[in-house]
Amino acid sequence: MHLTTHENTLQVRGLEYLSATNAGAFKEAVRPRINQAHPIVEVDCSTVRFIDSEGLGALISIHRTVLQYEGKVRLAHTSPLVHKLIQLIHFDEIFDIAP
C-alpha cells in the first residue's frame, strides 16, 4: 500500500485486497493522515481483486473519520466485480465512485 497526497486528497494505491488480513493496517495507515488539509481519501481500486466484510468495515471507518473534516471517500478505478459489490450493498450511496 502506498500513500501520497495531491492537493486536498490523500491517495491510497497498491492494494490487492482489503480484508481481515490487512483492514487494520489500512485503517492505521490512513486515519492519522486525514486532516483539514487532506479531507478527501481516494482509494485506487484498479488492483483490488477482493474485499470482504472487514475491508468494507475499514472503508466505513475511514468514511466516518473524513466526515469530521467535511470530506469524502472516493473509490477510483473499480473493477466490474468490486463495482458490483459496492452497488449490491448500496455503498455507492455512501462513497463517490470515480471511473
PDB file of N, CA and C in Angstrom:
ATOM      1  N   MET A   1       0.847  -1.166   0.000  1.00  0.00           N
ATOM      2  CA  MET A   1       0.000   0.000   0.000  1.00  0.00           C
ATOM      3  C   MET A   1       0.897   1.235   0.000  1.00  0.00           C
ATOM      4  N   HIS A   2       0.560   2.179  -0.867  1.00  0.00           N
ATOM      5  CA  HIS A   2       1.318   3.415  -0.988  1.00  0.00           C
ATOM      6  C   HIS A   2       0.376   4.592  -0.738  1.00  0.00           C
ATOM      7  N   LEU A   3       0.790   5.508   0.124  1.00  0.00           N
ATOM      8  CA  LEU A   3       0.005   6.694   0.432  1.00  0.00           C
ATOM      9  C   LEU A   3       0.737   7.924  -0.082  1.00  0.00           C
ATOM     10  N   THR A   4       0.023   8.752  -0.826  1.00  0.00           N
ATOM     11  CA  THR A   4       0.566  10.016  -1.296  1.00  0.00           C
ATOM     12  C   THR A   4      -0.515  11.087  -1.133  1.00  0.00           C
ATOM     13  N   THR A   5      -0.103  12.339  -1.204  1.00  0.00           N
ATOM     14  CA  THR A   5      -1.077  13.421  -1.160  1.00  0.00           C
ATOM     15  C   THR A   5      -0.969  14.238  -2.434  1.00  0.00           C
ATOM     16  N   HIS A   6      -2.100  14.732  -2.862  1.00  0.00           N
ATOM     17  CA  HIS A   6      -2.175  15.623  -4.014  1.00  0.00           C
ATOM     18  C   HIS A   6      -3.271  16.634  -3.728  1.00  0.00           C
ATOM     19  N   GLU A   7      -2.870  17.890  -3.589  1.00  0.00           N
ATOM     20  CA  GLU A   7      -3.790  18.963  -3.215  1.00  0.00           C
ATOM     21  C   GLU A   7      -4.493  18.587  -1.911  1.00  0.00           C
ATOM     22  N   ASN A   8      -5.827  18.467  -1.897  1.00  0.00           N
ATOM     23  CA  ASN A   8      -6.549  18.163  -0.653  1.00  0.00           C
ATOM     24  C   ASN A   8      -6.910  16.684  -0.516  1.00  0.00           C
ATOM     25  N   THR A   9      -6.234  15.844  -1.279  1.00  0.00           N
ATOM     26  CA  THR A   9      -6.590  14.423  -1.339  1.00  0.00           C
ATOM     27  C   THR A   9      -5.442  13.528  -0.867  1.00  0.00           C
ATOM     28  N   LEU A  10      -5.797  12.580  -0.008  1.00  0.00           N
ATOM     29  CA  LEU A  10      -4.891  11.504   0.374  1.00  0.00           C
ATOM     30  C   LEU A  10      -5.184  10.335  -0.561  1.00  0.00           C
ATOM     31  N   GLN A  11      -4.195   9.933  -1.325  1.00  0.00           N
ATOM     32  CA  GLN A  11      -4.381   8.866  -2.303  1.00  0.00           C
ATOM     33  C   GLN A  11      -3.786   7.568  -1.772  1.00  0.00           C
ATOM     34  N   VAL A  12      -4.576   6.496  -1.902  1.00  0.00           N
ATOM     35  CA  VAL A  12      -4.158   5.158  -1.463  1.00  0.00           C
ATOM     36  C   VAL A  12      -4.061   4.291  -2.709  1.00  0.00           C
ATOM     37  N   ARG A  13      -2.898   3.711  -2.926  1.00  0.00           N
ATOM     38  CA  ARG A  13      -2.676   2.867  -4.105  1.00  0.00           C
ATOM     39  C   ARG A  13      -1.993   1.569  -3.693  1.00  0.00           C
ATOM     40  N   GLY A  14      -2.057   0.594  -4.603  1.00  0.00           N
ATOM     41  CA  GLY A  14      -1.292  -0.629  -4.419  1.00  0.00           C
ATOM     42  C   GLY A  14      -1.959  -1.700  -3.583  1.00  0.00           C
ATOM     43  N   LEU A  15      -3.277  -1.600  -3.377  1.00  0.00           N
ATOM     44  CA  LEU A  15      -3.987  -2.644  -2.625  1.00  0.00           C
ATOM     45  C   LEU A  15      -4.406  -3.768  -3.565  1.00  0.00           C
ATOM     46  N   GLU A  16      -4.070  -5.000  -3.221  1.00  0.00           N
ATOM     47  CA  GLU A  16      -4.562  -6.155  -3.976  1.00  0.00           C
ATOM     48  C   GLU A  16      -5.858  -6.670  -3.384  1.00  0.00           C
ATOM     49  N   TYR A  17      -6.026  -6.470  -2.096  1.00  0.00           N
ATOM     50  CA  TYR A  17      -7.230  -6.908  -1.391  1.00  0.00           C
ATOM     51  C   TYR A  17      -7.432  -6.005  -0.194  1.00  0.00           C
ATOM     52  N   LEU A  18      -8.637  -5.991   0.300  1.00  0.00           N
ATOM     53  CA  LEU A  18      -8.967  -5.275   1.522  1.00  0.00           C
ATOM     54  C   LEU A  18      -9.827  -6.233   2.325  1.00  0.00           C
ATOM     55  N   SER A  19      -9.188  -6.894   3.280  1.00  0.00           N
ATOM     56  CA  SER A  19      -9.855  -7.979   4.001  1.00  0.00           C
ATOM     57  C   SER A  19      -9.391  -8.001   5.452  1.00  0.00           C
ATOM     58  N   ALA A  20      -9.835  -9.010   6.180  1.00  0.00           N
ATOM     59  CA  ALA A  20      -9.448  -9.167   7.584  1.00  0.00           C
ATOM     60  C   ALA A  20      -7.931  -9.177   7.734  1.00  0.00           C
ATOM     61  N   THR A  21      -7.231  -9.604   6.715  1.00  0.00           N
ATOM     62  CA  THR A  21      -5.777  -9.688   6.753  1.00  0.00           C
ATOM     63  C   THR A  21      -5.106  -8.317   6.846  1.00  0.00           C
ATOM     64  N   ASN A  22      -5.658  -7.319   6.158  1.00  0.00           N
ATOM     65  CA  ASN A  22      -4.983  -6.017   6.129  1.00  0.00           C
ATOM     66  C   ASN A  22      -5.880  -4.823   6.479  1.00  0.00           C
ATOM     67  N   ALA A  23      -7.131  -5.059   6.855  1.00  0.00           N
ATOM     68  CA  ALA A  23      -8.053  -3.951   7.146  1.00  0.00           C
ATOM     69  C   ALA A  23      -7.537  -3.093   8.308  1.00  0.00           C
ATOM     70  N   GLY A  24      -7.015  -3.718   9.353  1.00  0.00           N
ATOM     71  CA  GLY A  24      -6.483  -2.968  10.489  1.00  0.00           C
ATOM     72  C   GLY A  24      -5.307  -2.097  10.090  1.00  0.00           C
ATOM     73  N   ALA A  25      -4.394  -2.659   9.324  1.00  0.00           N
ATOM     74  CA  ALA A  25      -3.225  -1.895   8.868  1.00  0.00           C
ATOM     75  C   ALA A  25      -3.651  -0.753   7.953  1.00  0.00           C
ATOM     76  N   PHE A  26      -4.657  -0.997   7.129  1.00  0.00           N
ATOM     77  CA  PHE A  26      -5.194   0.046   6.246  1.00  0.00           C
ATOM     78  C   PHE A  26      -5.702   1.220   7.079  1.00  0.00           C
ATOM     79  N   LYS A  27      -6.525   0.929   8.089  1.00  0.00           N
ATOM     80  CA  LYS A  27      -7.070   1.998   8.932  1.00  0.00           C
ATOM     81  C   LYS A  27      -5.956   2.723   9.684  1.00  0.00           C
ATOM     82  N   GLU A  28      -5.008   1.974  10.231  1.00  0.00           N
ATOM     83  CA  GLU A  28      -3.913   2.567  10.992  1.00  0.00           C
ATOM     84  C   GLU A  28      -3.033   3.466  10.129  1.00  0.00           C
ATOM     85  N   ALA A  29      -2.887   3.119   8.864  1.00  0.00           N
ATOM     86  CA  ALA A  29      -2.059   3.931   7.964  1.00  0.00           C
ATOM     87  C   ALA A  29      -2.807   5.168   7.464  1.00  0.00           C
ATOM     88  N   VAL A  30      -4.081   5.036   7.193  1.00  0.00           N
ATOM     89  CA  VAL A  30      -4.837   6.119   6.566  1.00  0.00           C
ATOM     90  C   VAL A  30      -5.381   7.123   7.577  1.00  0.00           C
ATOM     91  N   ARG A  31      -5.999   6.637   8.636  1.00  0.00           N
ATOM     92  CA  ARG A  31      -6.691   7.524   9.579  1.00  0.00           C
ATOM     93  C   ARG A  31      -5.835   8.691  10.096  1.00  0.00           C
ATOM     94  N   PRO A  32      -4.585   8.460  10.540  1.00  0.00           N
ATOM     95  CA  PRO A  32      -3.802   9.582  11.070  1.00  0.00           C
ATOM     96  C   PRO A  32      -3.448  10.649  10.032  1.00  0.00           C
ATOM     97  N   ARG A  33      -3.559  10.329   8.763  1.00  0.00           N
ATOM     98  CA  ARG A  33      -3.180  11.285   7.714  1.00  0.00           C
ATOM     99  C   ARG A  33      -4.361  12.101   7.206  1.00  0.00           C
ATOM    100  N   ILE A  34      -5.548  11.791   7.706  1.00  0.00           N
ATOM    101  CA  ILE A  34      -6.731  12.566   7.342  1.00  0.00           C
ATOM    102  C   ILE A  34      -6.773  13.793   8.240  1.00  0.00           C
ATOM    103  N   ASN A  35      -6.903  14.961   7.623  1.00  0.00           N
ATOM    104  CA  ASN A  35      -6.963  16.204   8.394  1.00  0.00           C
ATOM    105  C   ASN A  35      -7.630  17.283   7.551  1.00  0.00           C
ATOM    106  N   GLN A  36      -7.656  18.493   8.072  1.00  0.00           N
ATOM    107  CA  GLN A  36      -8.306  19.597   7.365  1.00  0.00           C
ATOM    108  C   GLN A  36      -7.668  19.839   6.001  1.00  0.00           C
ATOM    109  N   ALA A  37      -6.360  19.626   5.906  1.00  0.00           N
ATOM    110  CA  ALA A  37      -5.666  19.824   4.631  1.00  0.00           C
ATOM    111  C   ALA A  37      -5.923  18.692   3.640  1.00  0.00           C
ATOM    112  N   HIS A  38      -6.250  17.509   4.144  1.00  0.00           N
ATOM    113  CA  HIS A  38      -6.486  16.333   3.295  1.00  0.00           C
ATOM    114  C   HIS A  38      -7.759  15.609   3.739  1.00  0.00           C
ATOM    115  N   PRO A  39      -8.943  16.230   3.512  1.00  0.00           N
ATOM    116  CA  PRO A  39     -10.191  15.617   3.959  1.00  0.00           C
ATOM    117  C   PRO A  39     -10.766  14.582   2.989  1.00  0.00           C
ATOM    118  N   ILE A  40     -10.149  14.460   1.830  1.00  0.00           N
ATOM    119  CA  ILE A  40     -10.637  13.508   0.826  1.00  0.00           C
ATOM    120  C   ILE A  40      -9.668  12.336   0.763  1.00  0.00           C
ATOM    121  N   VAL A  41     -10.217  11.130   0.807  1.00  0.00           N
ATOM    122  CA  VAL A  41      -9.407   9.920   0.654  1.00  0.00           C
ATOM    123  C   VAL A  41      -9.843   9.245  -0.637  1.00  0.00           C
ATOM    124  N   GLU A  42      -8.900   9.070  -1.539  1.00  0.00           N
ATOM    125  CA  GLU A  42      -9.176   8.377  -2.797  1.00  0.00           C
ATOM    126  C   GLU A  42      -8.448   7.042  -2.784  1.00  0.00           C
ATOM    127  N   VAL A  43      -9.218   5.976  -2.859  1.00  0.00           N
ATOM    128  CA  VAL A  43      -8.657   4.631  -2.880  1.00  0.00           C
ATOM    129  C   VAL A  43      -8.659   4.150  -4.326  1.00  0.00           C
ATOM    130  N   ASP A  44      -7.481   3.954  -4.879  1.00  0.00           N
ATOM    131  CA  ASP A  44      -7.351   3.426  -6.236  1.00  0.00           C
ATOM    132  C   ASP A  44      -7.620   1.926  -6.174  1.00  0.00           C
ATOM    133  N   CYS A  45      -8.729   1.519  -6.737  1.00  0.00           N
ATOM    134  CA  CYS A  45      -9.154   0.110  -6.673  1.00  0.00           C
ATOM    135  C   CYS A  45      -8.755  -0.681  -7.917  1.00  0.00           C
ATOM    136  N   SER A  46      -7.908  -0.108  -8.762  1.00  0.00           N
ATOM    137  CA  SER A  46      -7.559  -0.779 -10.021  1.00  0.00           C
ATOM    138  C   SER A  46      -6.858  -2.115  -9.798  1.00  0.00           C
ATOM    139  N   THR A  47      -6.194  -2.292  -8.663  1.00  0.00           N
ATOM    140  CA  THR A  47      -5.500  -3.556  -8.390  1.00  0.00           C
ATOM    141  C   THR A  47      -6.217  -4.408  -7.342  1.00  0.00           C
ATOM    142  N   VAL A  48      -7.343  -3.900  -6.807  1.00  0.00           N
ATOM    143  CA  VAL A  48      -8.088  -4.633  -5.779  1.00  0.00           C
ATOM    144  C   VAL A  48      -8.869  -5.764  -6.428  1.00  0.00           C
ATOM    145  N   ARG A  49      -8.615  -6.978  -5.958  1.00  0.00           N
ATOM    146  CA  ARG A  49      -9.283  -8.151  -6.506  1.00  0.00           C
ATOM    147  C   ARG A  49     -10.285  -8.766  -5.527  1.00  0.00           C
ATOM    148  N   PHE A  50     -10.204  -8.353  -4.247  1.00  0.00           N
ATOM    149  CA  PHE A  50     -11.047  -8.979  -3.227  1.00  0.00           C
ATOM    150  C   PHE A  50     -11.304  -8.007  -2.095  1.00  0.00           C
ATOM    151  N   ILE A  51     -12.557  -7.916  -1.670  1.00  0.00           N
ATOM    152  CA  ILE A  51     -12.940  -7.143  -0.487  1.00  0.00           C
ATOM    153  C   ILE A  51     -13.899  -7.998   0.319  1.00  0.00           C
ATOM    154  N   ASP A  52     -13.639  -8.118   1.636  1.00  0.00           N
ATOM    155  CA  ASP A  52     -14.574  -8.847   2.491  1.00  0.00           C
ATOM    156  C   ASP A  52     -15.231  -7.865   3.464  1.00  0.00           C
ATOM    157  N   SER A  53     -16.003  -8.389   4.399  1.00  0.00           N
ATOM    158  CA  SER A  53     -16.744  -7.530   5.323  1.00  0.00           C
ATOM    159  C   SER A  53     -15.814  -6.673   6.183  1.00  0.00           C
ATOM    160  N   GLU A  54     -14.656  -7.200   6.554  1.00  0.00           N
ATOM    161  CA  GLU A  54     -13.690  -6.412   7.332  1.00  0.00           C
ATOM    162  C   GLU A  54     -13.159  -5.246   6.491  1.00  0.00           C
ATOM    163  N   GLY A  55     -12.920  -5.505   5.227  1.00  0.00           N
ATOM    164  CA  GLY A  55     -12.467  -4.439   4.332  1.00  0.00           C
ATOM    165  C   GLY A  55     -13.526  -3.374   4.147  1.00  0.00           C
ATOM    166  N   LEU A  56     -14.772  -3.795   4.002  1.00  0.00           N
ATOM    167  CA  LEU A  56     -15.873  -2.836   3.892  1.00  0.00           C
ATOM    168  C   LEU A  56     -16.005  -2.036   5.186  1.00  0.00           C
ATOM    169  N   GLY A  57     -15.828  -2.700   6.314  1.00  0.00           N
ATOM    170  CA  GLY A  57     -15.859  -2.008   7.598  1.00  0.00           C
ATOM    171  C   GLY A  57     -14.750  -0.982   7.715  1.00  0.00           C
ATOM    172  N   ALA A  58     -13.578  -1.298   7.180  1.00  0.00           N
ATOM    173  CA  ALA A  58     -12.458  -0.355   7.199  1.00  0.00           C
ATOM    174  C   ALA A  58     -12.793   0.886   6.369  1.00  0.00           C
ATOM    175  N   LEU A  59     -13.438   0.684   5.228  1.00  0.00           N
ATOM    176  CA  LEU A  59     -13.846   1.823   4.403  1.00  0.00           C
ATOM    177  C   LEU A  59     -14.863   2.694   5.137  1.00  0.00           C
ATOM    178  N   ILE A  60     -15.804   2.060   5.841  1.00  0.00           N
ATOM    179  CA  ILE A  60     -16.792   2.809   6.622  1.00  0.00           C
ATOM    180  C   ILE A  60     -16.098   3.589   7.738  1.00  0.00           C
ATOM    181  N   SER A  61     -15.119   2.972   8.375  1.00  0.00           N
ATOM    182  CA  SER A  61     -14.363   3.645   9.426  1.00  0.00           C
ATOM    183  C   SER A  61     -13.658   4.890   8.884  1.00  0.00           C
ATOM    184  N   ILE A  62     -13.053   4.762   7.724  1.00  0.00           N
ATOM    185  CA  ILE A  62     -12.383   5.900   7.088  1.00  0.00           C
ATOM    186  C   ILE A  62     -13.419   6.962   6.727  1.00  0.00           C
ATOM    187  N   HIS A  63     -14.572   6.525   6.242  1.00  0.00           N
ATOM    188  CA  HIS A  63     -15.664   7.449   5.904  1.00  0.00           C
ATOM    189  C   HIS A  63     -16.070   8.275   7.129  1.00  0.00           C
ATOM    190  N   ARG A  64     -16.225   7.622   8.261  1.00  0.00           N
ATOM    191  CA  ARG A  64     -16.596   8.339   9.492  1.00  0.00           C
ATOM    192  C   ARG A  64     -15.534   9.367   9.878  1.00  0.00           C
ATOM    193  N   THR A  65     -14.286   9.025   9.670  1.00  0.00           N
ATOM    194  CA  THR A  65     -13.207   9.954  10.000  1.00  0.00           C
ATOM    195  C   THR A  65     -13.219  11.167   9.075  1.00  0.00           C
ATOM    196  N   VAL A  66     -13.380  10.956   7.774  1.00  0.00           N
ATOM    197  CA  VAL A  66     -13.363  12.103   6.848  1.00  0.00           C
ATOM    198  C   VAL A  66     -14.564  13.017   7.063  1.00  0.00           C
ATOM    199  N   LEU A  67     -15.664  12.485   7.549  1.00  0.00           N
ATOM    200  CA  LEU A  67     -16.829  13.325   7.809  1.00  0.00           C
ATOM    201  C   LEU A  67     -16.536  14.381   8.872  1.00  0.00           C
ATOM    202  N   GLN A  68     -15.617  14.103   9.773  1.00  0.00           N
ATOM    203  CA  GLN A  68     -15.232  15.083  10.792  1.00  0.00           C
ATOM    204  C   GLN A  68     -14.605  16.330  10.160  1.00  0.00           C
ATOM    205  N   TYR A  69     -14.083  16.176   8.943  1.00  0.00           N
ATOM    206  CA  TYR A  69     -13.448  17.276   8.223  1.00  0.00           C
ATOM    207  C   TYR A  69     -14.261  17.676   6.989  1.00  0.00           C
ATOM    208  N   GLU A  70     -15.532  17.257   6.961  1.00  0.00           N
ATOM    209  CA  GLU A  70     -16.423  17.520   5.827  1.00  0.00           C
ATOM    210  C   GLU A  70     -15.831  16.982   4.526  1.00  0.00           C
ATOM    211  N   GLY A  71     -15.180  15.827   4.624  1.00  0.00           N
ATOM    212  CA  GLY A  71     -14.553  15.202   3.473  1.00  0.00           C
ATOM    213  C   GLY A  71     -15.379  14.070   2.915  1.00  0.00           C
ATOM    214  N   LYS A  72     -14.729  13.251   2.103  1.00  0.00           N
ATOM    215  CA  LYS A  72     -15.407  12.115   1.493  1.00  0.00           C
ATOM    216  C   LYS A  72     -14.380  11.049   1.118  1.00  0.00           C
ATOM    217  N   VAL A  73     -14.905   9.863   0.875  1.00  0.00           N
ATOM    218  CA  VAL A  73     -14.090   8.755   0.373  1.00  0.00           C
ATOM    219  C   VAL A  73     -14.485   8.521  -1.072  1.00  0.00           C
ATOM    220  N   ARG A  74     -13.490   8.458  -1.924  1.00  0.00           N
ATOM    221  CA  ARG A  74     -13.713   8.211  -3.344  1.00  0.00           C
ATOM    222  C   ARG A  74     -13.048   6.883  -3.710  1.00  0.00           C
ATOM    223  N   LEU A  75     -13.811   5.995  -4.318  1.00  0.00           N
ATOM    224  CA  LEU A  75     -13.262   4.726  -4.809  1.00  0.00           C
ATOM    225  C   LEU A  75     -13.052   4.892  -6.311  1.00  0.00           C
ATOM    226  N   ALA A  76     -11.812   4.821  -6.745  1.00  0.00           N
ATOM    227  CA  ALA A  76     -11.466   5.082  -8.140  1.00  0.00           C
ATOM    228  C   ALA A  76     -11.039   3.797  -8.840  1.00  0.00           C
ATOM    229  N   HIS A  77     -11.353   3.734 -10.107  1.00  0.00           N
ATOM    230  CA  HIS A  77     -10.911   2.633 -10.967  1.00  0.00           C
ATOM    231  C   HIS A  77     -11.356   1.263 -10.447  1.00  0.00           C
ATOM    232  N   THR A  78     -12.607   1.162 -10.023  1.00  0.00           N
ATOM    233  CA  THR A  78     -13.102  -0.118  -9.511  1.00  0.00           C
ATOM    234  C   THR A  78     -13.256  -1.123 -10.647  1.00  0.00           C
ATOM    235  N   SER A  79     -12.911  -2.356 -10.361  1.00  0.00           N
ATOM    236  CA  SER A  79     -13.131  -3.433 -11.330  1.00  0.00           C
ATOM    237  C   SER A  79     -14.632  -3.705 -11.390  1.00  0.00           C
ATOM    238  N   PRO A  80     -15.103  -4.368 -12.435  1.00  0.00           N
ATOM    239  CA  PRO A  80     -16.536  -4.684 -12.508  1.00  0.00           C
ATOM    240  C   PRO A  80     -17.020  -5.466 -11.287  1.00  0.00           C
ATOM    241  N   LEU A  81     -16.207  -6.384 -10.774  1.00  0.00           N
ATOM    242  CA  LEU A  81     -16.600  -7.184  -9.619  1.00  0.00           C
ATOM    243  C   LEU A  81     -16.730  -6.320  -8.358  1.00  0.00           C
ATOM    244  N   VAL A  82     -15.751  -5.482  -8.109  1.00  0.00           N
ATOM    245  CA  VAL A  82     -15.786  -4.600  -6.937  1.00  0.00           C
ATOM    246  C   VAL A  82     -16.926  -3.590  -7.083  1.00  0.00           C
ATOM    247  N   HIS A  83     -17.093  -3.049  -8.278  1.00  0.00           N
ATOM    248  CA  HIS A  83     -18.174  -2.088  -8.517  1.00  0.00           C
ATOM    249  C   HIS A  83     -19.542  -2.722  -8.254  1.00  0.00           C
ATOM    250  N   LYS A  84     -19.715  -3.942  -8.702  1.00  0.00           N
ATOM    251  CA  LYS A  84     -20.986  -4.646  -8.495  1.00  0.00           C
ATOM    252  C   LYS A  84     -21.240  -4.872  -6.999  1.00  0.00           C
ATOM    253  N   LEU A  85     -20.208  -5.262  -6.260  1.00  0.00           N
ATOM    254  CA  LEU A  85     -20.340  -5.455  -4.815  1.00  0.00           C
ATOM    255  C   LEU A  85     -20.748  -4.150  -4.140  1.00  0.00           C
ATOM    256  N   ILE A  86     -20.084  -3.066  -4.495  1.00  0.00           N
ATOM    257  CA  ILE A  86     -20.387  -1.752  -3.906  1.00  0.00           C
ATOM    258  C   ILE A  86     -21.841  -1.372  -4.182  1.00  0.00           C
ATOM    259  N   GLN A  87     -22.315  -1.614  -5.395  1.00  0.00           N
ATOM    260  CA  GLN A  87     -23.702  -1.308  -5.737  1.00  0.00           C
ATOM    261  C   GLN A  87     -24.673  -2.239  -5.025  1.00  0.00           C
ATOM    262  N   LEU A  88     -24.340  -3.509  -4.926  1.00  0.00           N
ATOM    263  CA  LEU A  88     -25.217  -4.501  -4.313  1.00  0.00           C
ATOM    264  C   LEU A  88     -25.533  -4.155  -2.862  1.00  0.00           C
ATOM    265  N   ILE A  89     -24.551  -3.646  -2.144  1.00  0.00           N
ATOM    266  CA  ILE A  89     -24.766  -3.307  -0.736  1.00  0.00           C
ATOM    267  C   ILE A  89     -25.041  -1.811  -0.539  1.00  0.00           C
ATOM    268  N   HIS A  90     -25.286  -1.130  -1.642  1.00  0.00           N
ATOM    269  CA  HIS A  90     -25.670   0.294  -1.650  1.00  0.00           C
ATOM    270  C   HIS A  90     -24.600   1.215  -1.080  1.00  0.00           C
ATOM    271  N   PHE A  91     -23.348   0.803  -1.123  1.00  0.00           N
ATOM    272  CA  PHE A  91     -22.269   1.673  -0.674  1.00  0.00           C
ATOM    273  C   PHE A  91     -21.999   2.776  -1.693  1.00  0.00           C
ATOM    274  N   ASP A  92     -22.562   2.647  -2.890  1.00  0.00           N
ATOM    275  CA  ASP A  92     -22.420   3.723  -3.872  1.00  0.00           C
ATOM    276  C   ASP A  92     -23.202   4.954  -3.433  1.00  0.00           C
ATOM    277  N   GLU A  93     -24.067   4.801  -2.427  1.00  0.00           N
ATOM    278  CA  GLU A  93     -24.787   5.942  -1.859  1.00  0.00           C
ATOM    279  C   GLU A  93     -23.949   6.631  -0.778  1.00  0.00           C
ATOM    280  N   ILE A  94     -22.905   5.966  -0.310  1.00  0.00           N
ATOM    281  CA  ILE A  94     -22.027   6.499   0.738  1.00  0.00           C
ATOM    282  C   ILE A  94     -20.748   7.056   0.153  1.00  0.00           C
ATOM    283  N   PHE A  95     -20.131   6.316  -0.767  1.00  0.00           N
ATOM    284  CA  PHE A  95     -18.856   6.680  -1.338  1.00  0.00           C
ATOM    285  C   PHE A  95     -19.044   7.259  -2.742  1.00  0.00           C
ATOM    286  N   ASP A  96     -18.115   8.131  -3.128  1.00  0.00           N
ATOM    287  CA  ASP A  96     -18.049   8.566  -4.520  1.00  0.00           C
ATOM    288  C   ASP A  96     -17.366   7.451  -5.311  1.00  0.00           C
ATOM    289  N   ILE A  97     -17.916   7.127  -6.439  1.00  0.00           N
ATOM    290  CA  ILE A  97     -17.298   6.133  -7.319  1.00  0.00           C
ATOM    291  C   ILE A  97     -16.789   6.869  -8.548  1.00  0.00           C
ATOM    292  N   ALA A  98     -15.484   6.830  -8.762  1.00  0.00           N
ATOM    293  CA  ALA A  98     -14.868   7.539  -9.885  1.00  0.00           C
ATOM    294  C   ALA A  98     -14.385   6.525 -10.914  1.00  0.00           C
ATOM    295  N   PRO A  99     -14.543   6.862 -12.184  1.00  0.00           N
ATOM    296  CA  PRO A  99     -14.070   5.937 -13.238  1.00  0.00           C
ATOM    297  C   PRO A  99     -12.560   5.800 -13.254  1.00  0.00           C
TER     298      PRO A  99
END
